[in-house]
Amino acid sequence: MEIILKTDIKGLGYKNDMVEVKPGYGRNYLIPQGFAMLATPSNKRILAENIKQAAHKAEKIKTAAEELAAKLEQTTLEIKAKIGDSGKIFGKVTTLQISDALSEKGIEIDRKKIAINMPVGGEGEFEAEIDLHREVTSKVKFVVVAE
């Protein structure tokens, strides 16, 4: 089943992408939730027109994302966590904590766009990946310190 995405869906695609999904996933989840619409010929024509009109806006957004990526590459965050006597962390560092730490520095990023790809076991320096745009990703360093 071919559908047109209305929003970015991690692992599937970005807004205005035409993707092939299993019929049950499209009919029972994506379309009722408002995340996608059927890729009918009329919807394809509407999509083409919308993409043509949004082309210059997309370039502005991409440039802004690249500038933000450069700023994030130079940023190091400090995340406070409870650490036991053995040096291991209680709980885990979450994307919400990283998002909050970025907010304190004046950078607003949705926690859903942040991914921590390595296990955070204790004190030290780690990296998180941030998806800013379909063509722009950035890494931000964060240091875990004891509370």
N, C-alpha and C. Protein backbone atom coordinates (compact mmCIF):
# COMPACT_ATOMS: atom_id res chain seq x y z
N MET A 1 0.85 -1.17 0.00
CA MET A 1 0.00 0.00 0.00
C MET A 1 0.90 1.23 0.00
N GLU A 2 0.63 2.16 -0.89
CA GLU A 2 1.43 3.37 -0.98
C GLU A 2 0.69 4.51 -0.28
N ILE A 3 1.42 5.21 0.60
CA ILE A 3 0.83 6.32 1.36
C ILE A 3 1.74 7.54 1.29
N ILE A 4 1.18 8.69 1.64
CA ILE A 4 1.92 9.94 1.73
C ILE A 4 1.94 10.34 3.20
N LEU A 5 3.12 10.53 3.75
CA LEU A 5 3.24 10.87 5.17
C LEU A 5 2.91 12.35 5.40
N LYS A 6 2.15 12.62 6.46
CA LYS A 6 1.81 13.98 6.84
C LYS A 6 2.75 14.52 7.91
N THR A 7 3.43 13.62 8.63
CA THR A 7 4.39 14.00 9.66
C THR A 7 5.64 13.14 9.54
N ASP A 8 6.70 13.54 10.23
CA ASP A 8 7.92 12.73 10.28
C ASP A 8 7.66 11.54 11.18
N ILE A 9 8.02 10.34 10.71
CA ILE A 9 7.88 9.13 11.51
C ILE A 9 9.22 8.43 11.50
N LYS A 10 9.82 8.33 12.68
CA LYS A 10 11.15 7.75 12.80
C LYS A 10 11.14 6.31 12.28
N GLY A 11 12.10 6.01 11.43
CA GLY A 11 12.22 4.67 10.87
C GLY A 11 11.38 4.44 9.63
N LEU A 12 10.48 5.38 9.30
CA LEU A 12 9.63 5.20 8.12
C LEU A 12 9.90 6.27 7.07
N GLY A 13 9.90 7.53 7.49
CA GLY A 13 10.16 8.60 6.53
C GLY A 13 9.82 9.96 7.11
N TYR A 14 9.93 10.96 6.24
CA TYR A 14 9.69 12.34 6.64
C TYR A 14 8.40 12.85 6.00
N LYS A 15 7.96 14.01 6.45
CA LYS A 15 6.75 14.62 5.95
C LYS A 15 6.82 14.74 4.42
N ASN A 16 5.70 14.47 3.76
CA ASN A 16 5.55 14.54 2.31
C ASN A 16 6.30 13.46 1.54
N ASP A 17 6.81 12.43 2.22
CA ASP A 17 7.42 11.29 1.53
C ASP A 17 6.32 10.32 1.12
N MET A 18 6.50 9.69 -0.04
CA MET A 18 5.61 8.60 -0.43
C MET A 18 6.33 7.31 -0.09
N VAL A 19 5.71 6.50 0.76
CA VAL A 19 6.33 5.26 1.21
C VAL A 19 5.38 4.09 1.02
N GLU A 20 5.96 2.92 0.93
CA GLU A 20 5.21 1.68 0.79
C GLU A 20 5.14 1.02 2.17
N VAL A 21 3.94 0.74 2.65
CA VAL A 21 3.76 0.08 3.94
C VAL A 21 2.79 -1.09 3.77
N LYS A 22 2.75 -1.95 4.77
CA LYS A 22 1.79 -3.04 4.75
C LYS A 22 0.39 -2.46 4.92
N PRO A 23 -0.60 -3.04 4.24
CA PRO A 23 -1.95 -2.47 4.27
C PRO A 23 -2.53 -2.30 5.67
N GLY A 24 -2.31 -3.25 6.55
CA GLY A 24 -2.87 -3.15 7.90
C GLY A 24 -2.28 -1.99 8.68
N TYR A 25 -0.97 -1.78 8.55
CA TYR A 25 -0.29 -0.68 9.24
C TYR A 25 -0.81 0.66 8.74
N GLY A 26 -0.99 0.77 7.44
CA GLY A 26 -1.49 2.02 6.87
C GLY A 26 -2.94 2.28 7.22
N ARG A 27 -3.80 1.27 7.00
CA ARG A 27 -5.23 1.44 7.19
C ARG A 27 -5.65 1.52 8.66
N ASN A 28 -4.97 0.76 9.51
CA ASN A 28 -5.40 0.68 10.91
C ASN A 28 -4.67 1.62 11.85
N TYR A 29 -3.50 2.13 11.44
CA TYR A 29 -2.75 2.99 12.36
C TYR A 29 -2.44 4.36 11.74
N LEU A 30 -1.70 4.39 10.64
CA LEU A 30 -1.21 5.66 10.11
C LEU A 30 -2.32 6.60 9.65
N ILE A 31 -3.26 6.09 8.89
CA ILE A 31 -4.32 6.95 8.36
C ILE A 31 -5.29 7.40 9.46
N PRO A 32 -5.80 6.50 10.34
CA PRO A 32 -6.70 6.97 11.41
C PRO A 32 -6.06 7.95 12.39
N GLN A 33 -4.75 7.80 12.64
CA GLN A 33 -4.06 8.70 13.56
C GLN A 33 -3.75 10.05 12.92
N GLY A 34 -3.95 10.16 11.60
CA GLY A 34 -3.67 11.42 10.91
C GLY A 34 -2.21 11.57 10.53
N PHE A 35 -1.45 10.49 10.57
CA PHE A 35 -0.03 10.54 10.22
C PHE A 35 0.20 10.41 8.72
N ALA A 36 -0.80 9.92 7.97
CA ALA A 36 -0.63 9.67 6.55
C ALA A 36 -1.96 9.74 5.83
N MET A 37 -1.87 9.78 4.49
CA MET A 37 -3.06 9.70 3.65
C MET A 37 -2.75 8.78 2.47
N LEU A 38 -3.79 8.23 1.86
CA LEU A 38 -3.60 7.34 0.71
C LEU A 38 -2.95 8.10 -0.44
N ALA A 39 -2.10 7.42 -1.19
CA ALA A 39 -1.42 8.04 -2.31
C ALA A 39 -2.25 7.85 -3.58
N THR A 40 -3.40 8.51 -3.62
CA THR A 40 -4.25 8.46 -4.81
C THR A 40 -3.70 9.45 -5.84
N PRO A 41 -4.08 9.32 -7.09
CA PRO A 41 -3.57 10.26 -8.10
C PRO A 41 -3.83 11.73 -7.75
N SER A 42 -5.01 12.04 -7.21
CA SER A 42 -5.29 13.44 -6.85
C SER A 42 -4.42 13.89 -5.68
N ASN A 43 -4.21 13.02 -4.69
CA ASN A 43 -3.34 13.38 -3.56
C ASN A 43 -1.89 13.54 -4.02
N LYS A 44 -1.47 12.77 -5.01
CA LYS A 44 -0.11 12.90 -5.55
C LYS A 44 0.06 14.25 -6.24
N ARG A 45 -0.96 14.70 -6.98
CA ARG A 45 -0.89 16.02 -7.65
C ARG A 45 -0.84 17.13 -6.60
N ILE A 46 -1.64 17.01 -5.55
CA ILE A 46 -1.63 18.01 -4.48
C ILE A 46 -0.26 18.05 -3.81
N LEU A 47 0.31 16.87 -3.57
CA LEU A 47 1.63 16.79 -2.95
C LEU A 47 2.68 17.46 -3.83
N ALA A 48 2.64 17.20 -5.14
CA ALA A 48 3.62 17.80 -6.05
C ALA A 48 3.52 19.33 -6.03
N GLU A 49 2.31 19.84 -6.00
CA GLU A 49 2.12 21.29 -5.95
C GLU A 49 2.62 21.87 -4.63
N ASN A 50 2.32 21.19 -3.52
CA ASN A 50 2.79 21.66 -2.21
C ASN A 50 4.31 21.66 -2.13
N ILE A 51 4.94 20.63 -2.69
CA ILE A 51 6.40 20.55 -2.67
C ILE A 51 7.00 21.68 -3.50
N LYS A 52 6.39 21.97 -4.64
CA LYS A 52 6.90 23.03 -5.50
C LYS A 52 6.81 24.39 -4.78
N GLN A 53 5.70 24.62 -4.08
CA GLN A 53 5.53 25.90 -3.39
C GLN A 53 6.43 26.01 -2.17
N ALA A 54 6.73 24.87 -1.54
CA ALA A 54 7.51 24.90 -0.30
C ALA A 54 9.01 24.76 -0.54
N ALA A 55 9.45 24.70 -1.79
CA ALA A 55 10.86 24.47 -2.09
C ALA A 55 11.76 25.57 -1.52
N HIS A 56 11.39 26.81 -1.68
CA HIS A 56 12.25 27.89 -1.18
C HIS A 56 12.22 27.95 0.35
N LYS A 57 11.08 27.63 0.97
CA LYS A 57 11.00 27.58 2.43
C LYS A 57 11.89 26.47 2.97
N ALA A 58 11.93 25.35 2.27
CA ALA A 58 12.72 24.20 2.72
C ALA A 58 14.21 24.55 2.75
N GLU A 59 14.66 25.34 1.80
CA GLU A 59 16.08 25.73 1.76
C GLU A 59 16.43 26.60 2.97
N LYS A 60 15.52 27.50 3.34
CA LYS A 60 15.72 28.33 4.53
C LYS A 60 15.81 27.47 5.79
N ILE A 61 14.90 26.50 5.89
CA ILE A 61 14.86 25.62 7.06
C ILE A 61 16.13 24.79 7.15
N LYS A 62 16.60 24.31 6.00
CA LYS A 62 17.83 23.51 5.98
C LYS A 62 19.02 24.34 6.40
N THR A 63 19.11 25.57 5.94
CA THR A 63 20.21 26.46 6.32
C THR A 63 20.19 26.73 7.82
N ALA A 64 19.00 26.96 8.37
CA ALA A 64 18.88 27.19 9.82
C ALA A 64 19.29 25.94 10.59
N ALA A 65 18.93 24.76 10.09
CA ALA A 65 19.30 23.51 10.74
C ALA A 65 20.81 23.31 10.70
N GLU A 66 21.46 23.67 9.59
CA GLU A 66 22.92 23.55 9.50
C GLU A 66 23.62 24.48 10.48
N GLU A 67 23.09 25.70 10.64
CA GLU A 67 23.67 26.64 11.60
C GLU A 67 23.52 26.12 13.03
N LEU A 68 22.35 25.56 13.33
CA LEU A 68 22.11 24.99 14.66
C LEU A 68 23.01 23.79 14.90
N ALA A 69 23.24 22.98 13.86
CA ALA A 69 24.12 21.81 13.98
C ALA A 69 25.54 22.24 14.32
N ALA A 70 26.01 23.30 13.68
CA ALA A 70 27.36 23.80 13.97
C ALA A 70 27.45 24.29 15.42
N LYS A 71 26.40 24.93 15.89
CA LYS A 71 26.37 25.41 17.28
C LYS A 71 26.36 24.23 18.26
N LEU A 72 25.59 23.19 17.93
CA LEU A 72 25.49 22.02 18.81
C LEU A 72 26.81 21.25 18.88
N GLU A 73 27.54 21.20 17.77
CA GLU A 73 28.82 20.47 17.74
C GLU A 73 29.80 21.05 18.76
N GLN A 74 29.69 22.35 19.03
CA GLN A 74 30.61 23.01 19.94
C GLN A 74 30.09 23.06 21.37
N THR A 75 28.90 22.54 21.60
CA THR A 75 28.27 22.59 22.92
C THR A 75 28.55 21.32 23.71
N THR A 76 28.87 21.48 24.99
CA THR A 76 28.99 20.34 25.89
C THR A 76 28.03 20.56 27.04
N LEU A 77 27.17 19.59 27.28
CA LEU A 77 26.17 19.69 28.33
C LEU A 77 26.64 18.96 29.58
N GLU A 78 26.13 19.38 30.71
CA GLU A 78 26.43 18.71 31.97
C GLU A 78 25.13 18.12 32.52
N ILE A 79 25.10 16.79 32.63
CA ILE A 79 23.92 16.09 33.12
C ILE A 79 24.25 15.54 34.51
N LYS A 80 23.44 15.92 35.50
CA LYS A 80 23.67 15.43 36.85
C LYS A 80 22.84 14.18 37.09
N ALA A 81 23.48 13.17 37.69
CA ALA A 81 22.79 11.92 37.96
C ALA A 81 23.28 11.34 39.28
N LYS A 82 22.46 10.52 39.90
CA LYS A 82 22.87 9.84 41.12
C LYS A 82 23.79 8.69 40.74
N ILE A 83 24.94 8.66 41.37
CA ILE A 83 25.93 7.63 41.07
C ILE A 83 26.31 6.93 42.36
N GLY A 84 26.32 5.60 42.31
CA GLY A 84 26.61 4.79 43.48
C GLY A 84 28.10 4.72 43.78
N ASP A 85 28.43 4.00 44.86
CA ASP A 85 29.82 3.85 45.27
C ASP A 85 30.66 3.11 44.22
N SER A 86 30.02 2.22 43.49
CA SER A 86 30.75 1.45 42.48
C SER A 86 31.01 2.25 41.21
N GLY A 87 30.47 3.46 41.12
CA GLY A 87 30.68 4.29 39.94
C GLY A 87 29.59 4.14 38.90
N LYS A 88 28.59 3.30 39.17
CA LYS A 88 27.49 3.10 38.22
C LYS A 88 26.37 4.08 38.51
N ILE A 89 25.66 4.41 37.47
CA ILE A 89 24.59 5.38 37.57
C ILE A 89 23.29 4.68 38.01
N PHE A 90 22.50 5.37 38.85
CA PHE A 90 21.18 4.87 39.22
C PHE A 90 20.21 5.33 38.14
N GLY A 91 19.46 4.42 37.56
CA GLY A 91 18.55 4.78 36.49
C GLY A 91 19.31 4.95 35.19
N LYS A 92 18.90 5.94 34.40
CA LYS A 92 19.61 6.20 33.16
C LYS A 92 19.43 7.65 32.75
N VAL A 93 20.28 8.08 31.84
CA VAL A 93 20.18 9.42 31.28
C VAL A 93 19.17 9.34 30.14
N THR A 94 18.18 10.23 30.16
CA THR A 94 17.13 10.19 29.16
C THR A 94 17.25 11.36 28.19
N THR A 95 16.54 11.23 27.08
CA THR A 95 16.53 12.30 26.10
C THR A 95 15.85 13.55 26.66
N LEU A 96 14.95 13.37 27.61
CA LEU A 96 14.29 14.52 28.25
C LEU A 96 15.31 15.35 29.03
N GLN A 97 16.24 14.68 29.72
CA GLN A 97 17.27 15.41 30.46
C GLN A 97 18.16 16.20 29.51
N ILE A 98 18.49 15.61 28.37
CA ILE A 98 19.33 16.30 27.39
C ILE A 98 18.57 17.49 26.81
N SER A 99 17.29 17.28 26.51
CA SER A 99 16.46 18.36 25.98
C SER A 99 16.36 19.51 26.98
N ASP A 100 16.18 19.19 28.26
CA ASP A 100 16.12 20.22 29.30
C ASP A 100 17.45 20.97 29.42
N ALA A 101 18.57 20.24 29.34
CA ALA A 101 19.89 20.88 29.42
C ALA A 101 20.11 21.80 28.23
N LEU A 102 19.63 21.41 27.06
CA LEU A 102 19.74 22.29 25.89
C LEU A 102 18.86 23.53 26.06
N SER A 103 17.68 23.35 26.68
CA SER A 103 16.78 24.48 26.91
C SER A 103 17.43 25.51 27.81
N GLU A 104 18.19 25.06 28.81
CA GLU A 104 18.88 25.97 29.71
C GLU A 104 19.92 26.80 28.96
N LYS A 105 20.45 26.26 27.87
CA LYS A 105 21.43 26.99 27.06
C LYS A 105 20.75 27.81 25.96
N GLY A 106 19.41 27.78 25.92
CA GLY A 106 18.68 28.58 24.95
C GLY A 106 18.43 27.88 23.63
N ILE A 107 18.61 26.57 23.58
CA ILE A 107 18.37 25.81 22.34
C ILE A 107 17.18 24.90 22.57
N GLU A 108 16.09 25.14 21.86
CA GLU A 108 14.88 24.34 22.03
C GLU A 108 14.86 23.22 20.99
N ILE A 109 14.95 21.97 21.46
CA ILE A 109 14.87 20.80 20.59
C ILE A 109 13.94 19.79 21.24
N ASP A 110 13.04 19.24 20.44
CA ASP A 110 12.10 18.24 20.92
C ASP A 110 12.85 16.97 21.29
N ARG A 111 12.49 16.37 22.41
CA ARG A 111 13.20 15.19 22.90
C ARG A 111 13.06 14.01 21.95
N LYS A 112 12.03 14.01 21.11
CA LYS A 112 11.83 12.91 20.17
C LYS A 112 12.85 12.91 19.05
N LYS A 113 13.52 14.03 18.86
CA LYS A 113 14.54 14.13 17.82
C LYS A 113 15.94 13.79 18.34
N ILE A 114 16.03 13.45 19.62
CA ILE A 114 17.32 13.13 20.25
C ILE A 114 17.42 11.63 20.44
N ALA A 115 18.59 11.08 20.15
CA ALA A 115 18.81 9.64 20.34
C ALA A 115 20.17 9.43 21.02
N ILE A 116 20.17 8.62 22.07
CA ILE A 116 21.41 8.25 22.76
C ILE A 116 21.73 6.83 22.28
N ASN A 117 22.75 6.72 21.45
CA ASN A 117 23.05 5.44 20.79
C ASN A 117 24.03 4.57 21.55
N MET A 118 24.59 5.08 22.64
CA MET A 118 25.54 4.29 23.41
C MET A 118 25.04 4.17 24.85
N PRO A 119 25.33 3.06 25.52
CA PRO A 119 24.88 2.93 26.91
C PRO A 119 25.64 3.89 27.83
N VAL A 120 24.89 4.53 28.71
CA VAL A 120 25.48 5.45 29.68
C VAL A 120 25.50 4.73 31.01
N GLY A 121 26.69 4.27 31.43
CA GLY A 121 26.79 3.44 32.62
C GLY A 121 27.25 4.18 33.86
N GLY A 122 27.93 5.28 33.70
CA GLY A 122 28.44 5.99 34.86
C GLY A 122 28.93 7.37 34.46
N GLU A 123 29.86 7.90 35.26
CA GLU A 123 30.41 9.21 34.96
C GLU A 123 31.24 9.14 33.68
N GLY A 124 31.31 10.26 32.97
CA GLY A 124 32.12 10.31 31.77
C GLY A 124 31.49 11.18 30.70
N GLU A 125 32.12 11.16 29.54
CA GLU A 125 31.65 11.96 28.41
C GLU A 125 31.00 11.05 27.38
N PHE A 126 29.84 11.45 26.89
CA PHE A 126 29.08 10.66 25.95
C PHE A 126 28.55 11.56 24.84
N GLU A 127 27.96 10.95 23.81
CA GLU A 127 27.39 11.71 22.70
C GLU A 127 25.95 11.30 22.45
N ALA A 128 25.16 12.29 22.07
CA ALA A 128 23.78 12.04 21.65
C ALA A 128 23.63 12.56 20.23
N GLU A 129 22.81 11.90 19.45
CA GLU A 129 22.59 12.32 18.07
C GLU A 129 21.26 13.04 17.97
N ILE A 130 21.26 14.16 17.26
CA ILE A 130 20.05 14.96 17.12
C ILE A 130 19.70 15.08 15.64
N ASP A 131 18.46 14.74 15.31
CA ASP A 131 17.96 14.80 13.94
C ASP A 131 17.28 16.15 13.75
N LEU A 132 17.97 17.09 13.11
CA LEU A 132 17.45 18.44 12.96
C LEU A 132 16.62 18.63 11.68
N HIS A 133 16.97 17.88 10.66
CA HIS A 133 16.33 18.01 9.35
C HIS A 133 16.56 16.69 8.63
N ARG A 134 15.83 16.45 7.57
CA ARG A 134 15.99 15.18 6.87
C ARG A 134 17.40 14.99 6.34
N GLU A 135 18.14 16.06 6.10
CA GLU A 135 19.50 15.96 5.59
C GLU A 135 20.55 16.42 6.59
N VAL A 136 20.13 16.86 7.77
CA VAL A 136 21.06 17.42 8.74
C VAL A 136 20.89 16.71 10.09
N THR A 137 21.97 16.04 10.53
CA THR A 137 22.01 15.49 11.88
C THR A 137 23.23 16.05 12.57
N SER A 138 23.17 16.10 13.87
CA SER A 138 24.26 16.66 14.64
C SER A 138 24.50 15.80 15.87
N LYS A 139 25.70 15.92 16.41
CA LYS A 139 26.02 15.24 17.64
C LYS A 139 26.31 16.29 18.72
N VAL A 140 25.82 16.01 19.91
CA VAL A 140 26.08 16.91 21.03
C VAL A 140 26.73 16.09 22.13
N LYS A 141 27.78 16.65 22.73
CA LYS A 141 28.47 15.94 23.80
C LYS A 141 27.83 16.31 25.12
N PHE A 142 27.75 15.30 26.00
CA PHE A 142 27.27 15.56 27.35
C PHE A 142 28.12 14.81 28.34
N VAL A 143 28.34 15.45 29.48
CA VAL A 143 29.16 14.87 30.54
C VAL A 143 28.25 14.51 31.70
N VAL A 144 28.33 13.28 32.16
CA VAL A 144 27.54 12.84 33.31
C VAL A 144 28.39 13.04 34.55
N VAL A 145 27.84 13.79 35.51
CA VAL A 145 28.54 14.04 36.77
C VAL A 145 27.65 13.65 37.95
N ALA A 146 28.27 13.38 39.07
CA ALA A 146 27.53 12.99 40.27
C ALA A 146 26.81 14.20 40.86
N GLU A 147 25.62 13.93 41.40
CA GLU A 147 24.85 15.01 42.06
C GLU A 147 25.46 15.38 43.38
